Amino acid sequence: MKVGRKGTALLDAPAAVGMTAAELAAYQKLLFAQTGIVLQDNKQALVEARVSLRLRALGMSSYREYLELLRQDRSGEELVQLIDAVSTNVTHFFREDEHFAFLGKVVERWTQAGKDRLRIWSAACSTGEEPYSIAMTLDAAIGRRRCDTKILATDISTRVLAEAQAGVYPEARLATVPDARRRACFRRVSADGQPMYEVNPDLRAMVMFRRLNFKAMPYPIRGAFDIIFCRNAMIYFDRPQRERMVGEFARLLKPGGFLLVGHAETLIGMSDRFRVIRPSIYERLKDGVRT
């Protein structure tokens, strides 16, 4: 038995038959228009599976019926549910760990030189492992020096943002956290009788979580940031959208600050406002300076 949109009890809806090419194209068009995300034709099986989750939740039996609901939903709430369903959120603590080694060295150098304010943006934070890895790295690099430190963490998915803000993870998710960091930065708690690990309050206080759609420009964010992490997100967009994103990052990043992207991503040919430091790490140039 399922509960429909108006709270009425429904018998389990029959499974939807396979998505037609026209239906897939309609979902592709809708998601691209609203988010800039490009769903390739070879993702049909994934789209079918993820959209079917919403059909079952709403007691619907066809992809066309759900598409009409999305088109008529002026609140946008169901679109958020669809985005949550089709979003891929692959992450772990200290993923691409050389970025965190770089971050630690830069922050240590800056704070030793007297820098007492840091602003960092984790632009595709998923379930929180990235911003909390940033927080742990900052905590170790700054040490006892005084520094006003804040991390903005954003994602389009409300589902992963809720998990990130809770900051509670099963032990298996901490496999890539060094033992010393685990002891210093997490406390063991129990959830439904299962052992879990909660990020310490002082680290959680460093991070502010917000929902952000990369398509909605200009971004409603106050700069300027010292460092921006936007890793493994631009691969989901076409080149014009990536170029617009890079333009926004340049606008919000201080000259001399750094933009870190995924190892499969590049800024080459997209902007003359950055210079490459090493693969996947770029420095924001002063305006008027060219590489």
Protein backbone atom coordinates (compact mmCIF):
# COMPACT_ATOMS: atom_id res chain seq x y z
CA MET A 1 0.00 0.00 0.00
CA LYS A 2 1.28 3.48 -0.87
CA VAL A 3 0.12 6.97 -0.02
CA GLY A 4 -0.57 9.25 -2.98
CA ARG A 5 0.20 12.93 -3.35
CA LYS A 6 -2.99 13.96 -1.54
CA GLY A 7 -2.50 11.44 1.27
CA THR A 8 -4.97 8.85 -0.05
CA ALA A 9 -4.07 5.18 0.16
CA LEU A 10 -3.17 3.58 -3.15
CA LEU A 11 -2.48 0.03 -4.20
CA ASP A 12 1.09 -0.44 -5.38
CA ALA A 13 1.25 1.04 -8.87
CA PRO A 14 2.34 -1.32 -11.65
CA ALA A 15 5.90 -0.84 -12.81
CA ALA A 16 6.28 1.54 -15.74
CA VAL A 17 7.12 0.00 -19.08
CA GLY A 18 10.40 1.02 -20.70
CA MET A 19 10.97 4.71 -21.34
CA THR A 20 10.52 5.66 -24.98
CA ALA A 21 13.09 7.68 -26.91
CA ALA A 22 10.67 10.63 -26.94
CA GLU A 23 10.20 10.44 -23.16
CA LEU A 24 13.94 10.26 -22.58
CA ALA A 25 14.42 13.31 -24.80
CA ALA A 26 11.76 15.19 -22.82
CA TYR A 27 13.50 14.44 -19.50
CA GLN A 28 16.86 15.41 -21.01
CA LYS A 29 15.43 18.71 -22.22
CA LEU A 30 13.78 19.46 -18.89
CA LEU A 31 16.87 18.73 -16.79
CA PHE A 32 19.15 20.67 -19.14
CA ALA A 33 16.84 23.68 -19.12
CA GLN A 34 16.55 23.71 -15.33
CA THR A 35 20.04 22.66 -14.24
CA GLY A 36 22.39 22.61 -17.24
CA ILE A 37 23.06 18.92 -16.62
CA VAL A 38 23.57 16.95 -19.83
CA LEU A 39 22.15 13.42 -19.71
CA GLN A 40 23.62 11.38 -22.55
CA ASP A 41 21.46 8.94 -24.51
CA ASN A 42 23.50 6.06 -23.09
CA LYS A 43 22.18 6.97 -19.61
CA GLN A 44 18.65 5.79 -20.42
CA ALA A 45 18.81 2.79 -18.09
CA LEU A 46 19.99 5.00 -15.22
CA VAL A 47 17.26 7.59 -15.89
CA GLU A 48 14.60 4.88 -16.06
CA ALA A 49 15.72 3.35 -12.76
CA ARG A 50 15.99 6.67 -10.92
CA VAL A 51 12.70 8.11 -12.24
CA SER A 52 10.97 4.84 -11.36
CA LEU A 53 11.77 5.59 -7.72
CA ARG A 54 9.65 8.75 -7.95
CA LEU A 55 6.87 6.92 -9.81
CA ARG A 56 6.63 4.36 -7.00
CA ALA A 57 6.75 7.06 -4.33
CA LEU A 58 3.85 8.91 -6.00
CA GLY A 59 1.81 5.87 -7.03
CA MET A 60 2.23 6.61 -10.73
CA SER A 61 2.57 4.05 -13.50
CA SER A 62 4.00 5.96 -16.48
CA TYR A 63 6.92 8.21 -17.26
CA ARG A 64 4.62 10.48 -19.26
CA GLU A 65 2.31 11.05 -16.28
CA TYR A 66 5.26 12.04 -14.11
CA LEU A 67 6.60 14.33 -16.83
CA GLU A 68 3.29 16.19 -16.86
CA LEU A 69 3.45 16.57 -13.08
CA LEU A 70 6.92 18.12 -13.40
CA ARG A 71 5.71 20.55 -16.06
CA GLN A 72 2.72 21.65 -13.98
CA ASP A 73 4.53 21.86 -10.63
CA ARG A 74 4.92 25.61 -10.13
CA SER A 75 6.46 25.17 -6.68
CA GLY A 76 9.47 23.37 -8.16
CA GLU A 77 9.44 20.92 -5.26
CA GLU A 78 9.06 17.85 -7.45
CA LEU A 79 11.86 19.00 -9.74
CA VAL A 80 14.12 19.02 -6.67
CA GLN A 81 13.01 15.44 -5.97
CA LEU A 82 13.86 14.44 -9.55
CA ILE A 83 17.28 16.09 -9.36
CA ASP A 84 17.93 14.25 -6.10
CA ALA A 85 16.92 10.98 -7.77
CA VAL A 86 19.13 11.30 -10.85
CA SER A 87 22.13 12.97 -9.19
CA THR A 88 25.26 10.85 -8.93
CA ASN A 89 27.12 11.50 -5.69
CA VAL A 90 30.41 9.60 -5.59
CA THR A 91 32.76 10.84 -2.90
CA HIS A 92 34.88 9.88 0.08
CA PHE A 93 37.01 11.62 2.67
CA PHE A 94 40.28 13.04 1.26
CA ARG A 95 39.37 12.01 -2.27
CA GLU A 96 42.24 12.98 -4.62
CA ASP A 97 44.36 13.48 -1.51
CA GLU A 98 47.10 15.49 -3.26
CA HIS A 99 44.64 18.39 -3.32
CA PHE A 100 44.48 18.32 0.46
CA ALA A 101 48.26 18.12 0.73
CA PHE A 102 48.41 21.24 -1.48
CA LEU A 103 45.73 22.95 0.61
CA GLY A 104 47.60 22.24 3.85
CA LYS A 105 50.87 23.66 2.54
CA VAL A 106 49.25 26.80 1.12
CA VAL A 107 47.27 27.54 4.28
CA GLU A 108 50.28 26.90 6.51
CA ARG A 109 52.32 29.32 4.41
CA TRP A 110 49.58 31.96 4.39
CA THR A 111 48.90 31.85 8.12
CA GLN A 112 52.59 31.84 9.02
CA ALA A 113 52.86 35.03 6.93
CA GLY A 114 50.09 36.60 9.01
CA LYS A 115 46.93 35.85 7.04
CA ASP A 116 44.13 35.73 9.62
CA ARG A 117 41.01 35.20 7.48
CA LEU A 118 40.22 32.30 5.14
CA ARG A 119 37.17 31.72 2.98
CA ILE A 120 36.86 28.46 1.05
CA TRP A 121 34.05 27.18 -1.15
CA SER A 122 33.29 23.49 -1.69
CA ALA A 123 31.09 23.96 -4.74
CA ALA A 124 29.82 20.39 -5.20
CA CYS A 125 29.94 19.07 -1.66
CA SER A 126 27.73 15.97 -2.02
CA THR A 127 27.29 14.20 1.35
CA GLY A 128 29.89 16.36 3.09
CA GLU A 129 33.10 14.38 2.90
CA GLU A 130 34.85 17.09 0.88
CA PRO A 131 34.09 20.12 3.10
CA TYR A 132 34.84 18.15 6.26
CA SER A 133 38.13 16.97 4.73
CA ILE A 134 38.88 20.66 4.05
CA ALA A 135 38.00 21.50 7.66
CA MET A 136 40.28 18.77 9.01
CA THR A 137 43.11 19.94 6.77
CA LEU A 138 42.69 23.55 7.89
CA ASP A 139 42.59 22.51 11.53
CA ALA A 140 45.92 20.72 11.18
CA ALA A 141 47.57 23.44 9.06
CA ILE A 142 46.54 26.43 11.18
CA GLY A 143 47.39 24.80 14.50
CA ARG A 144 47.35 27.31 17.37
CA ARG A 145 47.52 30.37 15.13
CA ARG A 146 44.44 32.60 15.15
CA CYS A 147 42.50 32.58 11.89
CA ASP A 148 38.88 33.38 11.06
CA THR A 149 37.99 30.39 8.90
CA LYS A 150 34.74 29.63 7.09
CA ILE A 151 33.82 27.02 4.49
CA LEU A 152 30.79 27.38 2.23
CA ALA A 153 29.54 24.00 0.99
CA THR A 154 26.93 23.83 -1.78
CA ASP A 155 25.14 21.20 -3.82
CA ILE A 156 22.01 21.03 -5.95
CA SER A 157 20.69 17.97 -4.10
CA THR A 158 18.70 18.62 -0.93
CA ARG A 159 19.02 14.95 -0.01
CA VAL A 160 22.81 14.95 0.15
CA LEU A 161 22.87 18.38 1.82
CA ALA A 162 20.74 17.04 4.66
CA GLU A 163 23.15 14.14 5.15
CA ALA A 164 26.14 16.46 4.97
CA GLN A 165 24.73 18.87 7.50
CA ALA A 166 24.07 16.03 9.95
CA GLY A 167 27.75 15.09 9.75
CA VAL A 168 27.23 11.50 10.91
CA TYR A 169 28.83 8.61 9.01
CA PRO A 170 29.15 4.82 9.33
CA GLU A 171 32.63 3.54 10.18
CA ALA A 172 33.18 2.21 6.65
CA ARG A 173 32.97 5.75 5.27
CA LEU A 174 35.95 6.77 7.45
CA ALA A 175 38.30 4.25 5.84
CA THR A 176 40.31 7.02 4.15
CA VAL A 177 40.57 9.21 7.25
CA PRO A 178 44.01 8.91 8.94
CA ASP A 179 43.77 7.42 12.43
CA ALA A 180 45.01 10.59 14.13
CA ARG A 181 42.40 12.68 12.32
CA ARG A 182 39.68 10.16 13.15
CA ARG A 183 40.49 10.34 16.85
CA ALA A 184 40.77 14.13 16.87
CA CYS A 185 37.86 15.04 14.61
CA PHE A 186 35.09 12.47 15.20
CA ARG A 187 33.23 11.07 18.15
CA ARG A 188 31.56 7.69 18.21
CA VAL A 189 27.78 7.75 18.54
CA SER A 190 24.95 5.28 18.13
CA ALA A 191 22.15 5.51 15.56
CA ASP A 192 19.42 2.86 15.54
CA GLY A 193 21.75 0.64 17.53
CA GLN A 194 24.53 0.94 14.96
CA PRO A 195 27.94 2.53 15.69
CA MET A 196 28.38 5.80 13.79
CA TYR A 197 30.91 8.62 13.78
CA GLU A 198 29.94 12.27 14.16
CA VAL A 199 32.10 15.19 13.04
CA ASN A 200 33.18 17.24 16.06
CA PRO A 201 31.11 20.40 16.68
CA ASP A 202 34.07 22.77 16.24
CA LEU A 203 34.68 21.44 12.71
CA ARG A 204 30.99 21.42 11.85
CA ALA A 205 30.80 25.05 12.94
CA MET A 206 33.34 25.94 10.25
CA VAL A 207 31.01 24.75 7.46
CA MET A 208 27.85 26.43 6.17
CA PHE A 209 25.68 24.36 3.80
CA ARG A 210 23.49 25.87 1.09
CA ARG A 211 21.66 24.62 -2.01
CA LEU A 212 23.02 25.97 -5.29
CA ASN A 213 22.04 25.32 -8.90
CA PHE A 214 25.07 25.87 -11.17
CA LYS A 215 22.71 26.96 -13.97
CA ALA A 216 21.33 29.92 -11.97
CA MET A 217 23.77 32.77 -12.62
CA PRO A 218 25.09 34.99 -11.26
CA TYR A 219 25.56 32.86 -8.17
CA PRO A 220 23.94 34.42 -5.10
CA ILE A 221 27.19 34.21 -3.16
CA ARG A 222 29.32 36.86 -1.55
CA GLY A 223 33.00 36.58 -2.46
CA ALA A 224 35.75 36.69 -2.45
CA PHE A 225 37.13 33.25 -1.75
CA ASP A 226 40.74 32.26 -1.20
CA ILE A 227 40.23 28.75 -2.56
CA ILE A 228 37.41 27.08 -4.51
CA PHE A 229 37.01 23.32 -4.84
CA CYS A 230 34.82 22.33 -7.80
CA ARG A 231 35.87 18.78 -8.52
CA ASN A 232 34.23 16.25 -10.81
CA ALA A 233 31.17 18.45 -11.37
CA MET A 234 31.90 20.26 -14.65
CA ILE A 235 32.06 16.93 -16.50
CA TYR A 236 28.24 16.81 -16.32
CA PHE A 237 27.83 20.03 -18.34
CA ASP A 238 28.41 21.08 -21.93
CA ARG A 239 31.28 23.41 -22.81
CA PRO A 240 29.28 26.68 -22.85
CA GLN A 241 27.99 25.95 -19.35
CA ARG A 242 31.48 25.02 -18.13
CA GLU A 243 32.83 28.29 -19.49
CA ARG A 244 30.11 30.24 -17.66
CA MET A 245 30.91 28.37 -14.45
CA VAL A 246 34.61 29.16 -14.77
CA GLY A 247 33.70 32.81 -15.31
CA GLU A 248 31.72 32.81 -12.06
CA PHE A 249 34.57 31.12 -10.20
CA ALA A 250 36.93 33.82 -11.48
CA ARG A 251 34.50 36.51 -10.31
CA LEU A 252 34.26 35.03 -6.82
CA LEU A 253 37.92 34.08 -6.34
CA LYS A 254 40.57 36.50 -5.08
CA PRO A 255 43.56 37.16 -7.34
CA GLY A 256 46.25 34.81 -6.10
CA GLY A 257 43.63 32.35 -4.92
CA PHE A 258 43.27 28.82 -6.24
CA LEU A 259 40.65 26.80 -8.12
CA LEU A 260 40.87 23.02 -7.76
CA VAL A 261 39.05 20.82 -10.28
CA GLY A 262 38.84 17.07 -10.86
CA HIS A 263 41.68 15.22 -12.55
CA ALA A 264 39.45 14.53 -15.57
CA GLU A 265 38.68 18.25 -15.94
CA THR A 266 40.62 21.16 -17.41
CA LEU A 267 40.37 24.92 -17.84
CA ILE A 268 42.58 24.95 -20.94
CA GLY A 269 41.03 27.16 -23.62
CA MET A 270 38.21 28.31 -21.31
CA SER A 271 39.62 31.35 -19.53
CA ASP A 272 42.61 33.67 -19.56
CA ARG A 273 42.04 34.59 -15.91
CA PHE A 274 43.81 31.49 -14.56
CA ARG A 275 47.22 29.91 -14.90
CA VAL A 276 47.90 26.26 -14.30
CA ILE A 277 50.01 25.45 -11.24
CA ARG A 278 49.86 21.72 -11.84
CA PRO A 279 47.23 19.46 -13.41
CA SER A 280 43.82 20.23 -11.81
CA ILE A 281 45.14 23.21 -9.76
CA TYR A 282 44.81 26.75 -11.12
CA GLU A 283 45.78 30.17 -9.75
CA ARG A 284 43.50 33.17 -10.26
CA LEU A 285 45.47 35.92 -12.02
CA LYS A 286 45.13 39.62 -11.38
CA ASP A 287 42.75 41.19 -13.88
CA GLY A 288 44.61 42.42 -16.93
CA VAL A 289 47.40 39.85 -16.49
CA ARG A 290 47.61 37.14 -19.15
CA THR A 291 49.30 33.75 -18.98
